[in-house]
Amino acid sequence: MYYDESTVDLVRTTLILTLKVAAPILGAGVVIGLVISILQSVTSIQDQTLTFVPKIVGMVLVTILITPWVVNRLVEFSIDMFSLV
């Protein structure tokens, strides 16, 4: 099977950009979840809503904070894609 090198490079670039954009948001969720889990273990509080609400709030705050950076990356990517046409 023959794959065009430019197509493979385009898919690779797109996946890397997706990972770069999603990593800070997912990382915030993981860190907040870990901290809440440690606090639950120490205090023996096993309420399920205690984990979800802080994760959602933290991930939304991180998303709001990195929105300008994400927009810049997506605009640069779009300019690169339009220049290929």
Protein backbone atom coordinates (compact mmCIF):
# COMPACT_ATOMS: atom_id res chain seq x y z
CA MET A 1 0.00 0.00 0.00
CA TYR A 2 1.35 3.43 -0.96
CA TYR A 3 1.02 6.41 1.39
CA ASP A 4 1.78 9.92 0.24
CA GLU A 5 4.45 11.43 2.49
CA SER A 6 2.67 14.79 2.68
CA THR A 7 -0.54 13.11 3.85
CA VAL A 8 1.29 11.21 6.57
CA ASP A 9 3.03 14.42 7.66
CA LEU A 10 -0.29 16.29 7.73
CA VAL A 11 -1.92 13.63 9.92
CA ARG A 12 1.12 13.56 12.22
CA THR A 13 1.09 17.35 12.58
CA THR A 14 -2.65 17.36 13.28
CA LEU A 15 -2.37 14.69 15.97
CA ILE A 16 0.55 16.44 17.65
CA LEU A 17 -1.36 19.73 17.70
CA THR A 18 -4.38 17.96 19.19
CA LEU A 19 -2.22 16.47 21.93
CA LYS A 20 -0.57 19.82 22.68
CA VAL A 21 -3.94 21.55 22.97
CA ALA A 22 -5.57 18.84 25.10
CA ALA A 23 -2.61 18.07 27.39
CA PRO A 24 -2.89 21.06 29.78
CA ILE A 25 -6.62 20.52 30.29
CA LEU A 26 -6.29 16.78 30.85
CA GLY A 27 -3.22 17.31 33.04
CA ALA A 28 -5.19 19.66 35.28
CA GLY A 29 -7.89 17.02 35.63
CA VAL A 30 -5.35 14.36 36.55
CA VAL A 31 -3.57 16.55 39.12
CA ILE A 32 -6.80 17.71 40.74
CA GLY A 33 -8.11 14.13 40.80
CA LEU A 34 -4.91 12.92 42.45
CA VAL A 35 -5.02 15.64 45.11
CA ILE A 36 -8.69 14.95 45.86
CA SER A 37 -8.04 11.19 46.05
CA ILE A 38 -5.22 11.74 48.53
CA LEU A 39 -7.45 14.01 50.62
CA GLN A 40 -10.23 11.41 50.53
CA SER A 41 -7.84 8.72 51.68
CA VAL A 42 -6.52 10.82 54.53
CA THR A 43 -9.94 11.98 55.74
CA SER A 44 -11.91 8.79 54.90
CA ILE A 45 -14.53 10.83 53.07
CA GLN A 46 -15.73 8.77 50.10
CA ASP A 47 -18.26 11.11 48.49
CA GLN A 48 -18.30 10.73 44.68
CA THR A 49 -19.37 14.31 44.01
CA LEU A 50 -16.30 15.54 45.86
CA THR A 51 -14.11 14.39 42.96
CA PHE A 52 -16.20 15.60 40.03
CA VAL A 53 -16.97 19.19 40.98
CA PRO A 54 -13.36 20.31 41.63
CA LYS A 55 -12.18 18.52 38.46
CA ILE A 56 -14.80 20.23 36.33
CA VAL A 57 -14.11 23.65 37.86
CA GLY A 58 -10.34 23.23 37.51
CA MET A 59 -10.53 22.04 33.93
CA VAL A 60 -12.85 24.90 32.97
CA LEU A 61 -10.49 27.43 34.60
CA VAL A 62 -7.48 25.96 32.77
CA THR A 63 -9.44 26.05 29.51
CA ILE A 64 -10.30 29.71 30.04
CA LEU A 65 -6.69 30.57 30.91
CA ILE A 66 -5.13 28.83 27.88
CA THR A 67 -7.77 29.90 25.33
CA PRO A 68 -5.54 32.63 23.76
CA TRP A 69 -2.69 30.13 23.38
CA VAL A 70 -5.02 27.53 21.84
CA VAL A 71 -6.46 30.08 19.41
CA ASN A 72 -2.96 31.13 18.32
CA ARG A 73 -1.94 27.50 17.69
CA LEU A 74 -5.13 26.81 15.71
CA VAL A 75 -4.75 29.99 13.63
CA GLU A 76 -1.13 29.09 12.82
CA PHE A 77 -2.23 25.60 11.86
CA SER A 78 -5.04 26.95 9.68
CA ILE A 79 -2.67 29.33 7.91
CA ASP A 80 -0.31 26.41 7.24
CA MET A 81 -3.18 24.31 5.87
CA PHE A 82 -4.42 27.07 3.58
CA SER A 83 -0.89 27.68 2.31
CA LEU A 84 -0.72 24.02 1.20
CA VAL A 85 -3.72 24.51 -1.11
